[in-house]
Amino acid sequence: MIEKLINHITNFIPVSKELKNRLEKVCEIEIFSKNHFLHKPNKPCLNTYFINKGLIRIYYLKDGREITDNFSAENEWITSIYSFLQNIPDHFHIQTLEKTELVRISLKDLEECFKDFPEMERFGRMLISTYFLEQSERIISLQFNSAKERYSFFEQTSKKKLPRIPLGMLASHLGMTQETLSRVRSAKNAF
C-alpha cells in the first residue's frame, strides 16, 4: 500500500530492500473524509504525512480569520514543520479538503530510519531544502508581487490543485481578500 511513497522516495535516492521493508513496517495508510483534522493547535505534531490521494491545507487563526499557509496534494508531504521538528505545540490546523488517503510516519520512526539508513537522512535533507525554498518563494511573493502576480504564480505552479481549492482559502493563502481574487481572476479571464 505504500508503493506511491516508495516511488516518490526513489526519485531522490536509491531505495534498498532493507529500507523498503522498514518503511513498510513503520508507515501506516490512513483514509480520512473531507474536513478531518490531522493536527490541531496547542499540541505537538508528532507525524508527517505523504499524500497518496486528496488535498490538505495547513492554516492558522488570526483575529478570528483563517489564514491558509499551504496546500498539499498527491505526491506531496504535509506536517506542521516547526512543531514536528521541534516536538513542541504550535498554532496550526491541518485539515483535509477532500476524502484523503495518506501514508503516516511518526517522528520517532522517521528518526530511526534516518539513523539506520543514511540515504534516508539525505532524502530528509532534500525535502527540507525543497520546503525551505518554497516558503522563501512564498514570502518574497507576498512582500514584492502584486495580487495579479501572486495569483499567476500560483496558477502556474499549482495547476492541479487550483480548481479544487475554495476561493476564500486561496485568497487567504495569496494574501488578498476574496473580492480582490475575484477581480484578478475576472481580469485574467477577460483576455
N, C-alpha and C. Protein backbone atom coordinates (compact mmCIF):
# COMPACT_ATOMS: atom_id res chain seq x y z
N MET A 1 0.80 -1.22 0.00
CA MET A 1 0.00 0.00 0.00
C MET A 1 0.84 1.28 0.00
N ILE A 2 2.15 1.16 0.21
CA ILE A 2 2.96 2.39 0.25
C ILE A 2 3.80 2.54 -1.02
N GLU A 3 3.34 1.94 -2.11
CA GLU A 3 4.10 1.98 -3.36
C GLU A 3 4.35 3.40 -3.85
N LYS A 4 3.33 4.26 -3.74
CA LYS A 4 3.50 5.65 -4.19
C LYS A 4 4.59 6.35 -3.39
N LEU A 5 4.63 6.09 -2.10
CA LEU A 5 5.68 6.68 -1.26
C LEU A 5 7.05 6.17 -1.68
N ILE A 6 7.17 4.86 -1.88
CA ILE A 6 8.46 4.29 -2.30
C ILE A 6 8.89 4.88 -3.64
N ASN A 7 7.95 4.98 -4.58
CA ASN A 7 8.27 5.58 -5.89
C ASN A 7 8.71 7.03 -5.74
N HIS A 8 8.04 7.76 -4.85
CA HIS A 8 8.41 9.16 -4.60
C HIS A 8 9.83 9.25 -4.06
N ILE A 9 10.14 8.44 -3.07
CA ILE A 9 11.48 8.46 -2.46
C ILE A 9 12.53 8.08 -3.50
N THR A 10 12.20 7.12 -4.37
CA THR A 10 13.13 6.66 -5.41
C THR A 10 13.50 7.77 -6.38
N ASN A 11 12.66 8.79 -6.49
CA ASN A 11 13.01 9.94 -7.33
C ASN A 11 14.19 10.72 -6.77
N PHE A 12 14.49 10.52 -5.50
CA PHE A 12 15.56 11.28 -4.83
C PHE A 12 16.76 10.41 -4.47
N ILE A 13 16.49 9.19 -4.01
CA ILE A 13 17.57 8.31 -3.54
C ILE A 13 17.26 6.87 -3.95
N PRO A 14 18.29 6.02 -4.03
CA PRO A 14 18.01 4.59 -4.23
C PRO A 14 17.36 4.02 -2.97
N VAL A 15 16.39 3.14 -3.15
CA VAL A 15 15.71 2.52 -2.01
C VAL A 15 16.09 1.04 -1.98
N SER A 16 16.86 0.68 -0.96
CA SER A 16 17.28 -0.71 -0.82
C SER A 16 16.09 -1.56 -0.34
N LYS A 17 16.24 -2.85 -0.47
CA LYS A 17 15.20 -3.77 0.02
C LYS A 17 15.01 -3.59 1.52
N GLU A 18 16.11 -3.39 2.23
CA GLU A 18 16.03 -3.22 3.69
C GLU A 18 15.26 -1.95 4.05
N LEU A 19 15.54 -0.86 3.35
CA LEU A 19 14.82 0.39 3.62
C LEU A 19 13.35 0.23 3.27
N LYS A 20 13.07 -0.40 2.15
CA LYS A 20 11.67 -0.62 1.76
C LYS A 20 10.94 -1.43 2.83
N ASN A 21 11.58 -2.49 3.32
CA ASN A 21 10.97 -3.31 4.38
C ASN A 21 10.71 -2.49 5.64
N ARG A 22 11.67 -1.64 6.00
CA ARG A 22 11.49 -0.80 7.20
C ARG A 22 10.31 0.15 7.01
N LEU A 23 10.26 0.80 5.85
CA LEU A 23 9.16 1.74 5.59
C LEU A 23 7.82 1.03 5.62
N GLU A 24 7.76 -0.17 5.05
CA GLU A 24 6.50 -0.94 5.08
C GLU A 24 6.10 -1.27 6.51
N LYS A 25 7.09 -1.42 7.37
CA LYS A 25 6.81 -1.75 8.78
C LYS A 25 6.33 -0.53 9.56
N VAL A 26 6.93 0.64 9.32
CA VAL A 26 6.64 1.81 10.17
C VAL A 26 5.58 2.75 9.61
N CYS A 27 5.29 2.65 8.33
CA CYS A 27 4.29 3.56 7.73
C CYS A 27 2.90 2.97 7.84
N GLU A 28 1.94 3.83 8.06
CA GLU A 28 0.53 3.42 8.16
C GLU A 28 -0.28 4.13 7.10
N ILE A 29 -1.14 3.40 6.41
CA ILE A 29 -2.08 4.00 5.47
C ILE A 29 -3.30 4.44 6.27
N GLU A 30 -3.73 5.67 6.04
CA GLU A 30 -4.92 6.19 6.71
C GLU A 30 -5.80 6.88 5.67
N ILE A 31 -7.10 6.72 5.82
CA ILE A 31 -8.06 7.37 4.93
C ILE A 31 -8.98 8.23 5.78
N PHE A 32 -9.12 9.49 5.38
CA PHE A 32 -9.95 10.44 6.13
C PHE A 32 -10.96 11.09 5.20
N SER A 33 -12.10 11.42 5.76
CA SER A 33 -13.13 12.13 5.00
C SER A 33 -12.77 13.61 4.93
N LYS A 34 -13.51 14.32 4.10
CA LYS A 34 -13.35 15.77 3.97
C LYS A 34 -13.55 16.44 5.33
N ASN A 35 -12.75 17.46 5.59
CA ASN A 35 -12.81 18.29 6.80
C ASN A 35 -12.32 17.60 8.07
N HIS A 36 -11.55 16.53 7.92
CA HIS A 36 -10.94 15.89 9.09
C HIS A 36 -9.68 16.67 9.48
N PHE A 37 -9.45 16.80 10.78
CA PHE A 37 -8.25 17.50 11.27
C PHE A 37 -7.17 16.48 11.63
N LEU A 38 -6.04 16.58 10.94
CA LEU A 38 -4.89 15.74 11.24
C LEU A 38 -4.11 16.29 12.42
N HIS A 39 -4.22 17.60 12.61
CA HIS A 39 -3.49 18.27 13.69
C HIS A 39 -4.27 19.51 14.09
N LYS A 40 -4.27 19.77 15.40
CA LYS A 40 -4.91 20.98 15.92
C LYS A 40 -3.91 21.74 16.77
N PRO A 41 -4.16 23.03 16.97
CA PRO A 41 -3.22 23.86 17.72
C PRO A 41 -3.02 23.39 19.16
N ASN A 42 -1.93 23.88 19.72
CA ASN A 42 -1.58 23.68 21.13
C ASN A 42 -1.19 22.25 21.47
N LYS A 43 -0.84 21.48 20.45
CA LYS A 43 -0.33 20.13 20.65
C LYS A 43 0.88 19.95 19.74
N PRO A 44 1.85 19.14 20.14
CA PRO A 44 2.96 18.86 19.22
C PRO A 44 2.44 18.03 18.04
N CYS A 45 2.96 18.28 16.87
CA CYS A 45 2.64 17.50 15.68
C CYS A 45 3.66 16.36 15.62
N LEU A 46 3.21 15.15 15.87
CA LEU A 46 4.12 14.02 16.02
C LEU A 46 4.25 13.17 14.76
N ASN A 47 3.54 13.55 13.70
CA ASN A 47 3.55 12.76 12.47
C ASN A 47 3.76 13.65 11.25
N THR A 48 4.29 13.04 10.21
CA THR A 48 4.31 13.66 8.89
C THR A 48 3.54 12.74 7.96
N TYR A 49 2.98 13.33 6.91
CA TYR A 49 2.10 12.57 6.03
C TYR A 49 2.51 12.75 4.57
N PHE A 50 2.53 11.64 3.86
CA PHE A 50 2.69 11.65 2.41
C PHE A 50 1.30 11.44 1.83
N ILE A 51 0.92 12.25 0.86
CA ILE A 51 -0.45 12.21 0.34
C ILE A 51 -0.51 11.32 -0.90
N ASN A 52 -1.20 10.19 -0.76
CA ASN A 52 -1.47 9.32 -1.91
C ASN A 52 -2.56 9.90 -2.79
N LYS A 53 -3.60 10.41 -2.13
CA LYS A 53 -4.75 10.96 -2.86
C LYS A 53 -5.44 11.96 -1.95
N GLY A 54 -5.80 13.11 -2.53
CA GLY A 54 -6.54 14.10 -1.76
C GLY A 54 -5.84 15.45 -1.72
N LEU A 55 -6.46 16.34 -0.97
CA LEU A 55 -5.99 17.72 -0.84
C LEU A 55 -6.10 18.14 0.62
N ILE A 56 -5.06 18.77 1.13
CA ILE A 56 -4.98 19.16 2.54
C ILE A 56 -4.49 20.60 2.61
N ARG A 57 -4.95 21.30 3.63
CA ARG A 57 -4.41 22.64 3.86
C ARG A 57 -3.91 22.73 5.29
N ILE A 58 -2.96 23.64 5.48
CA ILE A 58 -2.49 23.98 6.81
C ILE A 58 -2.80 25.46 7.00
N TYR A 59 -3.42 25.79 8.15
CA TYR A 59 -3.83 27.17 8.37
C TYR A 59 -3.76 27.52 9.85
N TYR A 60 -3.86 28.82 10.12
CA TYR A 60 -3.91 29.32 11.49
C TYR A 60 -5.00 30.39 11.57
N LEU A 61 -5.36 30.72 12.79
CA LEU A 61 -6.37 31.76 13.02
C LEU A 61 -5.68 33.05 13.43
N LYS A 62 -6.12 34.16 12.83
CA LYS A 62 -5.62 35.48 13.21
C LYS A 62 -6.82 36.41 13.27
N ASP A 63 -7.06 36.95 14.45
CA ASP A 63 -8.21 37.83 14.66
C ASP A 63 -9.51 37.18 14.19
N GLY A 64 -9.64 35.88 14.47
CA GLY A 64 -10.85 35.14 14.12
C GLY A 64 -10.94 34.72 12.66
N ARG A 65 -9.95 35.06 11.85
CA ARG A 65 -9.95 34.69 10.42
C ARG A 65 -8.98 33.54 10.18
N GLU A 66 -9.37 32.66 9.26
CA GLU A 66 -8.49 31.57 8.87
C GLU A 66 -7.52 32.06 7.80
N ILE A 67 -6.23 31.88 8.07
CA ILE A 67 -5.18 32.25 7.12
C ILE A 67 -4.50 30.95 6.66
N THR A 68 -4.66 30.63 5.39
CA THR A 68 -4.10 29.39 4.85
C THR A 68 -2.63 29.58 4.55
N ASP A 69 -1.82 28.75 5.17
CA ASP A 69 -0.37 28.80 4.97
C ASP A 69 0.05 28.01 3.74
N ASN A 70 -0.58 26.84 3.55
CA ASN A 70 -0.12 25.98 2.46
C ASN A 70 -1.20 24.99 2.07
N PHE A 71 -1.11 24.50 0.85
CA PHE A 71 -1.93 23.41 0.35
C PHE A 71 -0.98 22.30 -0.11
N SER A 72 -1.35 21.07 0.17
CA SER A 72 -0.58 19.93 -0.33
C SER A 72 -1.54 18.92 -0.94
N ALA A 73 -1.08 18.26 -2.01
CA ALA A 73 -1.92 17.29 -2.72
C ALA A 73 -1.07 16.05 -3.04
N GLU A 74 -1.55 15.26 -3.97
CA GLU A 74 -0.93 13.99 -4.31
C GLU A 74 0.58 14.13 -4.50
N ASN A 75 1.29 13.14 -3.95
CA ASN A 75 2.76 13.03 -4.05
C ASN A 75 3.50 14.17 -3.36
N GLU A 76 2.84 14.79 -2.38
CA GLU A 76 3.48 15.82 -1.57
C GLU A 76 3.36 15.42 -0.10
N TRP A 77 4.13 16.10 0.71
CA TRP A 77 4.15 15.87 2.15
C TRP A 77 3.44 17.02 2.85
N ILE A 78 2.91 16.72 4.03
CA ILE A 78 2.38 17.79 4.87
C ILE A 78 2.60 17.44 6.33
N THR A 79 2.99 18.45 7.08
CA THR A 79 3.10 18.39 8.52
C THR A 79 3.17 19.82 9.01
N SER A 80 3.06 20.00 10.29
CA SER A 80 3.34 21.31 10.87
C SER A 80 4.84 21.31 11.15
N ILE A 81 5.62 21.78 10.22
CA ILE A 81 7.06 21.54 10.18
C ILE A 81 7.78 21.98 11.45
N TYR A 82 7.48 23.17 11.95
CA TYR A 82 8.17 23.66 13.14
C TYR A 82 7.85 22.78 14.34
N SER A 83 6.58 22.47 14.52
CA SER A 83 6.17 21.61 15.63
C SER A 83 6.76 20.22 15.49
N PHE A 84 6.73 19.68 14.28
CA PHE A 84 7.24 18.33 14.03
C PHE A 84 8.73 18.22 14.34
N LEU A 85 9.50 19.19 13.86
CA LEU A 85 10.95 19.12 14.04
C LEU A 85 11.39 19.48 15.45
N GLN A 86 10.63 20.36 16.11
CA GLN A 86 11.00 20.79 17.46
C GLN A 86 10.27 20.01 18.55
N ASN A 87 9.25 19.24 18.15
CA ASN A 87 8.42 18.48 19.09
C ASN A 87 7.78 19.38 20.15
N ILE A 88 7.23 20.50 19.67
CA ILE A 88 6.57 21.45 20.57
C ILE A 88 5.19 21.82 19.99
N PRO A 89 4.29 22.30 20.85
CA PRO A 89 2.98 22.74 20.35
C PRO A 89 3.12 23.94 19.42
N ASP A 90 2.13 24.12 18.57
CA ASP A 90 2.12 25.26 17.66
C ASP A 90 0.70 25.78 17.51
N HIS A 91 0.48 26.65 16.54
CA HIS A 91 -0.84 27.27 16.37
C HIS A 91 -1.51 26.88 15.05
N PHE A 92 -1.04 25.83 14.40
CA PHE A 92 -1.59 25.43 13.10
C PHE A 92 -2.65 24.34 13.20
N HIS A 93 -3.57 24.40 12.23
CA HIS A 93 -4.54 23.34 11.97
C HIS A 93 -4.11 22.67 10.66
N ILE A 94 -4.24 21.36 10.58
CA ILE A 94 -4.05 20.64 9.32
C ILE A 94 -5.36 19.93 9.02
N GLN A 95 -5.98 20.29 7.89
CA GLN A 95 -7.34 19.86 7.58
C GLN A 95 -7.43 19.28 6.16
N THR A 96 -8.11 18.15 6.04
CA THR A 96 -8.36 17.59 4.71
C THR A 96 -9.45 18.41 4.03
N LEU A 97 -9.29 18.66 2.75
CA LEU A 97 -10.29 19.39 1.97
C LEU A 97 -11.08 18.46 1.06
N GLU A 98 -10.66 17.22 1.00
CA GLU A 98 -11.32 16.17 0.22
C GLU A 98 -11.12 14.86 0.98
N LYS A 99 -11.83 13.82 0.55
CA LYS A 99 -11.50 12.49 1.05
C LYS A 99 -10.04 12.25 0.70
N THR A 100 -9.27 11.82 1.67
CA THR A 100 -7.81 11.80 1.51
C THR A 100 -7.22 10.48 1.99
N GLU A 101 -6.30 9.95 1.20
CA GLU A 101 -5.55 8.76 1.59
C GLU A 101 -4.10 9.17 1.83
N LEU A 102 -3.61 8.85 3.02
CA LEU A 102 -2.29 9.29 3.46
C LEU A 102 -1.42 8.11 3.86
N VAL A 103 -0.12 8.34 3.82
CA VAL A 103 0.84 7.45 4.46
C VAL A 103 1.40 8.23 5.64
N ARG A 104 1.19 7.72 6.84
CA ARG A 104 1.64 8.40 8.06
C ARG A 104 2.92 7.76 8.57
N ILE A 105 3.86 8.61 8.98
CA ILE A 105 5.06 8.14 9.66
C ILE A 105 5.32 9.06 10.84
N SER A 106 5.62 8.46 11.96
CA SER A 106 5.85 9.24 13.17
C SER A 106 7.27 9.81 13.18
N LEU A 107 7.45 10.86 13.97
CA LEU A 107 8.77 11.46 14.13
C LEU A 107 9.76 10.42 14.65
N LYS A 108 9.33 9.64 15.63
CA LYS A 108 10.20 8.62 16.21
C LYS A 108 10.66 7.62 15.15
N ASP A 109 9.73 7.11 14.36
CA ASP A 109 10.09 6.14 13.32
C ASP A 109 10.94 6.77 12.22
N LEU A 110 10.64 8.00 11.88
CA LEU A 110 11.43 8.69 10.86
C LEU A 110 12.86 8.90 11.34
N GLU A 111 13.03 9.31 12.59
CA GLU A 111 14.37 9.50 13.13
C GLU A 111 15.15 8.19 13.16
N GLU A 112 14.48 7.09 13.47
CA GLU A 112 15.16 5.78 13.45
C GLU A 112 15.56 5.40 12.03
N CYS A 113 14.72 5.71 11.05
CA CYS A 113 15.09 5.47 9.65
C CYS A 113 16.31 6.30 9.26
N PHE A 114 16.33 7.55 9.70
CA PHE A 114 17.48 8.41 9.42
C PHE A 114 18.75 7.83 10.03
N LYS A 115 18.63 7.33 11.24
CA LYS A 115 19.80 6.78 11.94
C LYS A 115 20.30 5.50 11.27
N ASP A 116 19.38 4.64 10.88
CA ASP A 116 19.75 3.33 10.34
C ASP A 116 20.04 3.33 8.84
N PHE A 117 19.53 4.34 8.14
CA PHE A 117 19.69 4.41 6.68
C PHE A 117 20.16 5.81 6.29
N PRO A 118 21.47 6.02 6.18
CA PRO A 118 22.00 7.35 5.86
C PRO A 118 21.39 7.95 4.59
N GLU A 119 21.04 7.11 3.63
CA GLU A 119 20.42 7.63 2.41
C GLU A 119 19.05 8.26 2.70
N MET A 120 18.39 7.74 3.72
CA MET A 120 17.09 8.30 4.10
C MET A 120 17.28 9.68 4.76
N GLU A 121 18.36 9.83 5.50
CA GLU A 121 18.65 11.15 6.07
C GLU A 121 18.92 12.16 4.94
N ARG A 122 19.60 11.72 3.91
CA ARG A 122 19.83 12.59 2.74
C ARG A 122 18.50 12.98 2.11
N PHE A 123 17.59 12.03 1.98
CA PHE A 123 16.26 12.31 1.45
C PHE A 123 15.56 13.36 2.32
N GLY A 124 15.66 13.21 3.63
CA GLY A 124 15.05 14.19 4.54
C GLY A 124 15.63 15.58 4.34
N ARG A 125 16.93 15.68 4.18
CA ARG A 125 17.56 16.98 3.93
C ARG A 125 17.07 17.58 2.61
N MET A 126 16.89 16.75 1.61
CA MET A 126 16.41 17.23 0.32
C MET A 126 14.97 17.75 0.44
N LEU A 127 14.14 17.05 1.20
CA LEU A 127 12.76 17.52 1.42
C LEU A 127 12.74 18.85 2.15
N ILE A 128 13.55 18.96 3.19
CA ILE A 128 13.59 20.21 3.97
C ILE A 128 14.09 21.35 3.09
N SER A 129 15.09 21.09 2.26
CA SER A 129 15.59 22.13 1.35
C SER A 129 14.50 22.58 0.39
N THR A 130 13.75 21.64 -0.15
CA THR A 130 12.65 21.98 -1.06
C THR A 130 11.61 22.83 -0.33
N TYR A 131 11.25 22.40 0.89
CA TYR A 131 10.27 23.15 1.68
C TYR A 131 10.77 24.57 1.95
N PHE A 132 12.04 24.68 2.33
CA PHE A 132 12.62 25.99 2.63
C PHE A 132 12.57 26.90 1.40
N LEU A 133 12.92 26.37 0.25
CA LEU A 133 12.89 27.18 -0.98
C LEU A 133 11.47 27.60 -1.33
N GLU A 134 10.51 26.69 -1.19
CA GLU A 134 9.11 27.03 -1.49
C GLU A 134 8.60 28.12 -0.54
N GLN A 135 8.93 28.00 0.74
CA GLN A 135 8.49 29.01 1.71
C GLN A 135 9.17 30.35 1.44
N SER A 136 10.44 30.32 1.06
CA SER A 136 11.14 31.57 0.73
C SER A 136 10.50 32.24 -0.48
N GLU A 137 10.17 31.45 -1.50
CA GLU A 137 9.48 32.00 -2.68
C GLU A 137 8.15 32.63 -2.29
N ARG A 138 7.43 31.95 -1.40
CA ARG A 138 6.12 32.47 -0.99
C ARG A 138 6.27 33.80 -0.24
N ILE A 139 7.22 33.87 0.66
CA ILE A 139 7.44 35.11 1.42
C ILE A 139 7.82 36.25 0.48
N ILE A 140 8.74 35.99 -0.43
CA ILE A 140 9.15 37.01 -1.40
C ILE A 140 7.95 37.45 -2.24
N SER A 141 7.15 36.50 -2.67
CA SER A 141 5.97 36.82 -3.47
C SER A 141 5.00 37.70 -2.70
N LEU A 142 4.74 37.36 -1.43
CA LEU A 142 3.81 38.15 -0.62
C LEU A 142 4.34 39.56 -0.40
N GLN A 143 5.65 39.70 -0.28
CA GLN A 143 6.24 41.01 0.01
C GLN A 143 6.40 41.89 -1.23
N PHE A 144 6.67 41.29 -2.38
CA PHE A 144 7.06 42.10 -3.53
C PHE A 144 6.13 42.03 -4.74
N ASN A 145 5.29 41.02 -4.82
CA ASN A 145 4.47 40.85 -6.02
C ASN A 145 3.07 41.41 -5.84
N SER A 146 2.49 41.84 -6.94
CA SER A 146 1.11 42.31 -6.93
C SER A 146 0.17 41.12 -6.76
N ALA A 147 -1.09 41.40 -6.48
CA ALA A 147 -2.10 40.34 -6.36
C ALA A 147 -2.16 39.52 -7.64
N LYS A 148 -2.12 40.20 -8.77
CA LYS A 148 -2.16 39.52 -10.07
C LYS A 148 -0.96 38.59 -10.24
N GLU A 149 0.21 39.07 -9.87
CA GLU A 149 1.43 38.25 -9.99
C GLU A 149 1.39 37.04 -9.05
N ARG A 150 0.89 37.25 -7.83
CA ARG A 150 0.80 36.14 -6.88
C ARG A 150 -0.15 35.06 -7.40
N TYR A 151 -1.29 35.49 -7.93
CA TYR A 151 -2.25 34.52 -8.47
C TYR A 151 -1.65 33.79 -9.68
N SER A 152 -1.03 34.52 -10.58
CA SER A 152 -0.43 33.91 -11.78
C SER A 152 0.63 32.88 -11.40
N PHE A 153 1.45 33.20 -10.41
CA PHE A 153 2.48 32.26 -9.98
C PHE A 153 1.84 31.00 -9.41
N PHE A 154 0.82 31.17 -8.57
CA PHE A 154 0.15 30.00 -8.00
C PHE A 154 -0.50 29.18 -9.11
N GLU A 155 -1.11 29.85 -10.05
CA GLU A 155 -1.77 29.17 -11.18
C GLU A 155 -0.75 28.34 -11.97
N GLN A 156 0.43 28.89 -12.19
CA GLN A 156 1.48 28.19 -12.95
C GLN A 156 2.05 27.01 -12.18
N THR A 157 2.23 27.17 -10.88
CA THR A 157 2.92 26.15 -10.09
C THR A 157 1.98 25.13 -9.46
N SER A 158 0.69 25.41 -9.45
CA SER A 158 -0.26 24.52 -8.76
C SER A 158 -1.50 24.24 -9.61
N LYS A 159 -1.29 23.99 -10.89
CA LYS A 159 -2.41 23.80 -11.83
C LYS A 159 -3.41 22.74 -11.38
N LYS A 160 -2.91 21.61 -10.87
CA LYS A 160 -3.81 20.52 -10.50
C LYS A 160 -4.57 20.81 -9.21
N LYS A 161 -4.00 21.62 -8.35
CA LYS A 161 -4.67 21.96 -7.09
C LYS A 161 -5.71 23.05 -7.27
N LEU A 162 -5.42 24.01 -8.12
CA LEU A 162 -6.20 25.24 -8.23
C LEU A 162 -7.71 25.02 -8.32
N PRO A 163 -8.21 24.16 -9.22
CA PRO A 163 -9.67 24.02 -9.33
C PRO A 163 -10.31 23.36 -8.11
N ARG A 164 -9.50 22.76 -7.25
CA ARG A 164 -10.02 22.03 -6.09
C ARG A 164 -10.05 22.89 -4.82
N ILE A 165 -9.51 24.08 -4.88
CA ILE A 165 -9.36 24.92 -3.68
C ILE A 165 -10.48 25.96 -3.63
N PRO A 166 -11.22 26.03 -2.51
CA PRO A 166 -12.23 27.08 -2.36
C PRO A 166 -11.58 28.47 -2.44
N LEU A 167 -12.27 29.40 -3.09
CA LEU A 167 -11.69 30.73 -3.36
C LEU A 167 -11.29 31.47 -2.09
N GLY A 168 -12.08 31.39 -1.04
CA GLY A 168 -11.73 32.09 0.20
C GLY A 168 -10.42 31.60 0.79
N MET A 169 -10.21 30.29 0.75
CA MET A 169 -8.96 29.72 1.26
C MET A 169 -7.78 30.13 0.38
N LEU A 170 -8.00 30.12 -0.93
CA LEU A 170 -6.95 30.53 -1.86
C LEU A 170 -6.59 31.99 -1.65
N ALA A 171 -7.60 32.83 -1.49
CA ALA A 171 -7.36 34.27 -1.27
C ALA A 171 -6.51 34.48 -0.03
N SER A 172 -6.85 33.80 1.07
CA SER A 172 -6.07 33.99 2.30
C SER A 172 -4.64 33.51 2.11
N HIS A 173 -4.45 32.44 1.37
CA HIS A 173 -3.10 31.93 1.09
C HIS A 173 -2.29 32.93 0.27
N LEU A 174 -2.96 33.61 -0.65
CA LEU A 174 -2.28 34.56 -1.52
C LEU A 174 -2.18 35.95 -0.91
N GLY A 175 -2.69 36.13 0.31
CA GLY A 175 -2.56 37.41 0.99
C GLY A 175 -3.45 38.49 0.41
N MET A 176 -4.67 38.12 0.03
CA MET A 176 -5.61 39.10 -0.52
C MET A 176 -7.03 38.74 -0.09
N THR A 177 -7.93 39.67 -0.28
CA THR A 177 -9.34 39.38 0.02
C THR A 177 -9.92 38.54 -1.11
N GLN A 178 -11.06 37.92 -0.81
CA GLN A 178 -11.72 37.13 -1.84
C GLN A 178 -12.21 38.03 -2.98
N GLU A 179 -12.59 39.26 -2.63
CA GLU A 179 -13.04 40.21 -3.66
C GLU A 179 -11.89 40.54 -4.62
N THR A 180 -10.70 40.78 -4.06
CA THR A 180 -9.54 41.07 -4.90
C THR A 180 -9.22 39.88 -5.79
N LEU A 181 -9.27 38.68 -5.22
CA LEU A 181 -9.01 37.48 -6.01
C LEU A 181 -10.02 37.36 -7.15
N SER A 182 -11.27 37.63 -6.87
CA SER A 182 -12.30 37.57 -7.93
C SER A 182 -12.02 38.57 -9.04
N ARG A 183 -11.58 39.78 -8.67
CA ARG A 183 -11.24 40.79 -9.69
C ARG A 183 -10.05 40.34 -10.53
N VAL A 184 -9.03 39.79 -9.87
CA VAL A 184 -7.84 39.32 -10.59
C VAL A 184 -8.22 38.21 -11.56
N ARG A 185 -9.04 37.27 -11.11
CA ARG A 185 -9.45 36.16 -11.97
C ARG A 185 -10.32 36.65 -13.13
N SER A 186 -11.21 37.60 -12.85
CA SER A 186 -12.08 38.15 -13.91
C SER A 186 -11.26 38.86 -14.98
N ALA A 187 -10.30 39.66 -14.54
CA ALA A 187 -9.45 40.39 -15.48
C ALA A 187 -8.63 39.41 -16.32
N LYS A 188 -8.14 38.36 -15.70
CA LYS A 188 -7.34 37.36 -16.41
C LYS A 188 -8.20 36.63 -17.44
N ASN A 189 -9.44 36.31 -17.07
CA ASN A 189 -10.34 35.58 -17.98
C ASN A 189 -10.87 36.46 -19.10
N ALA A 190 -10.78 37.78 -18.94
CA ALA A 190 -11.28 38.70 -19.96
C ALA A 190 -10.39 38.71 -21.20
N PHE A 191 -9.14 38.27 -21.04
CA PHE A 191 -8.20 38.30 -22.18
C PHE A 191 -8.25 37.05 -22.99
